[in-house]
Amino acid sequence: MTTVTNERPATPELLALYDAVGWSAYTRDPDRLTAAVAGSHAVLTARDDDGRLVGLARTISDGASVCYLQDILVHPDAQRTGVGRTLLTAMLAEYADLRQFVLLTDDDRTQRAFYTSLGLLRSDESGLHAYLRP
């Protein structure tokens, strides 16, 4: 059983989770990661029965018109158990009244199937375009 709350984890737990999924760009600067999570509009965490942090989702938003899902990650040991679905479903519900819910991610077939199964469209399917600074 996984417990989902809106707590903001301590730096060592964040580092362990981000390391576990290989997101080293975040873990190279622990202070920046901690500040990023602290500055998030919303943070949801998932813990296993032993209290170990196994998932996290966080957003950046104005709370009125747009929400950007900055991170959603699940520890490899807990992947394909519903943790990611639970976190994303909760975030989608939290921001259901906003005009835009945005997520940028890798073009991976498995990720694409996951996100579309929850009703998200690729930008090229929605008539929108994304512009990024490389």
Protein backbone atom coordinates (compact mmCIF):
# COMPACT_ATOMS: atom_id res chain seq x y z
CA MET A 1 0.00 0.00 0.00
CA THR A 2 1.29 3.46 -0.92
CA THR A 3 0.50 6.61 1.04
CA VAL A 4 0.31 9.92 -0.85
CA THR A 5 0.67 13.23 0.98
CA ASN A 6 1.64 16.81 0.21
CA GLU A 7 4.75 16.81 2.38
CA ARG A 8 8.02 18.22 1.12
CA PRO A 9 10.77 15.67 1.76
CA ALA A 10 14.15 16.40 3.28
CA THR A 11 17.16 16.78 1.02
CA PRO A 12 18.64 13.29 1.66
CA GLU A 13 15.36 11.64 0.60
CA LEU A 14 15.13 13.82 -2.49
CA LEU A 15 18.68 12.96 -3.48
CA ALA A 16 18.06 9.24 -2.99
CA LEU A 17 14.93 9.28 -5.15
CA TYR A 18 16.34 11.46 -7.93
CA ASP A 19 19.55 9.35 -7.92
CA ALA A 20 17.52 6.14 -8.15
CA VAL A 21 15.94 7.28 -11.42
CA GLY A 22 19.22 8.63 -12.79
CA TRP A 23 18.34 12.33 -12.74
CA SER A 24 21.89 13.41 -11.95
CA ALA A 25 21.38 16.93 -13.33
CA TYR A 26 19.31 17.51 -10.18
CA THR A 27 21.52 15.66 -7.71
CA ARG A 28 24.73 17.45 -8.70
CA ASP A 29 23.44 20.51 -6.84
CA PRO A 30 21.53 19.42 -3.72
CA ASP A 31 20.88 22.99 -2.57
CA ARG A 32 19.28 23.88 -5.90
CA LEU A 33 17.13 20.74 -5.85
CA THR A 34 15.96 21.53 -2.32
CA ALA A 35 15.18 25.13 -3.32
CA ALA A 36 13.32 23.97 -6.44
CA VAL A 37 11.10 21.62 -4.45
CA ALA A 38 10.54 24.26 -1.77
CA GLY A 39 9.51 26.78 -4.44
CA SER A 40 7.07 24.44 -6.15
CA HIS A 41 3.38 25.32 -6.26
CA ALA A 42 2.39 21.80 -5.24
CA VAL A 43 4.34 18.73 -4.17
CA LEU A 44 2.88 15.25 -3.76
CA THR A 45 4.91 12.40 -2.36
CA ALA A 46 4.31 8.67 -2.25
CA ARG A 47 5.70 6.43 0.46
CA ASP A 48 5.70 2.67 0.77
CA ASP A 49 4.60 0.77 3.88
CA ASP A 50 8.06 1.24 5.42
CA GLY A 51 7.85 5.02 5.00
CA ARG A 52 10.43 5.12 2.18
CA LEU A 53 9.93 7.86 -0.41
CA VAL A 54 9.05 6.05 -3.66
CA GLY A 55 7.46 8.79 -5.73
CA LEU A 56 7.19 12.51 -6.15
CA ALA A 57 5.32 14.93 -8.40
CA ARG A 58 5.72 18.68 -8.32
CA THR A 59 4.24 21.59 -10.20
CA ILE A 60 4.94 25.19 -11.08
CA SER A 61 1.76 27.22 -11.50
CA ASP A 62 0.04 30.56 -11.13
CA GLY A 63 -2.90 28.63 -9.66
CA ALA A 64 -5.37 30.32 -11.99
CA SER A 65 -4.66 29.57 -15.64
CA VAL A 66 -1.66 27.31 -16.17
CA CYS A 67 0.15 24.48 -14.45
CA TYR A 68 3.44 22.96 -15.49
CA LEU A 69 4.18 19.50 -14.16
CA GLN A 70 7.89 19.95 -13.54
CA ASP A 71 8.75 16.50 -12.18
CA ILE A 72 7.06 13.18 -11.77
CA LEU A 73 9.29 10.30 -10.76
CA VAL A 74 8.89 6.87 -9.24
CA HIS A 75 11.64 4.77 -7.71
CA PRO A 76 12.48 1.82 -10.01
CA ASP A 77 11.42 -0.63 -7.27
CA ALA A 78 7.93 0.91 -7.26
CA GLN A 79 7.42 1.46 -10.98
CA ARG A 80 4.43 -0.23 -12.63
CA THR A 81 2.62 -0.47 -9.28
CA GLY A 82 0.26 2.49 -9.75
CA VAL A 83 2.34 5.07 -7.90
CA GLY A 84 2.88 7.28 -10.95
CA ARG A 85 -0.76 6.97 -11.99
CA THR A 86 -1.88 7.94 -8.48
CA LEU A 87 0.42 10.97 -8.40
CA LEU A 88 -0.53 12.19 -11.87
CA THR A 89 -4.25 11.61 -11.36
CA ALA A 90 -4.11 13.66 -8.15
CA MET A 91 -2.28 16.50 -9.90
CA LEU A 92 -4.73 16.48 -12.81
CA ALA A 93 -7.61 16.71 -10.34
CA GLU A 94 -5.92 19.51 -8.39
CA TYR A 95 -5.60 21.61 -11.55
CA ALA A 96 -8.76 20.49 -13.37
CA ASP A 97 -10.16 24.03 -13.64
CA LEU A 98 -7.03 25.55 -15.17
CA ARG A 99 -6.83 26.36 -18.86
CA GLN A 100 -3.54 24.54 -19.46
CA PHE A 101 -1.78 21.59 -17.87
CA VAL A 102 1.67 21.22 -19.44
CA LEU A 103 4.31 18.50 -19.25
CA LEU A 104 7.55 18.23 -21.22
CA THR A 105 9.20 14.83 -21.29
CA ASP A 106 11.28 12.48 -23.39
CA ASP A 107 9.74 11.00 -26.52
CA ASP A 108 9.62 7.49 -25.11
CA ARG A 109 6.93 5.02 -26.24
CA THR A 110 6.25 3.80 -22.69
CA GLN A 111 5.95 7.32 -21.30
CA ARG A 112 3.74 8.35 -24.20
CA ALA A 113 1.39 5.41 -23.51
CA PHE A 114 1.27 6.28 -19.80
CA TYR A 115 0.46 9.97 -20.31
CA THR A 116 -2.09 9.42 -23.07
CA SER A 117 -3.83 6.75 -20.97
CA LEU A 118 -4.63 9.56 -18.53
CA GLY A 119 -6.00 11.87 -21.20
CA LEU A 120 -2.96 14.01 -22.02
CA LEU A 121 -2.25 14.82 -25.67
CA ARG A 122 1.06 15.40 -27.38
CA SER A 123 1.40 19.06 -28.30
CA ASP A 124 1.38 18.27 -32.02
CA GLU A 125 -1.99 16.56 -31.51
CA SER A 126 -3.49 19.53 -29.67
CA GLY A 127 -2.72 22.30 -32.14
CA LEU A 128 -0.25 23.84 -29.72
CA HIS A 129 3.47 24.25 -30.22
CA ALA A 130 6.24 24.37 -27.65
CA TYR A 131 9.27 26.61 -27.95
CA LEU A 132 12.31 25.88 -25.84
CA ARG A 133 15.66 27.47 -25.23
CA PRO A 134 18.23 24.73 -25.86
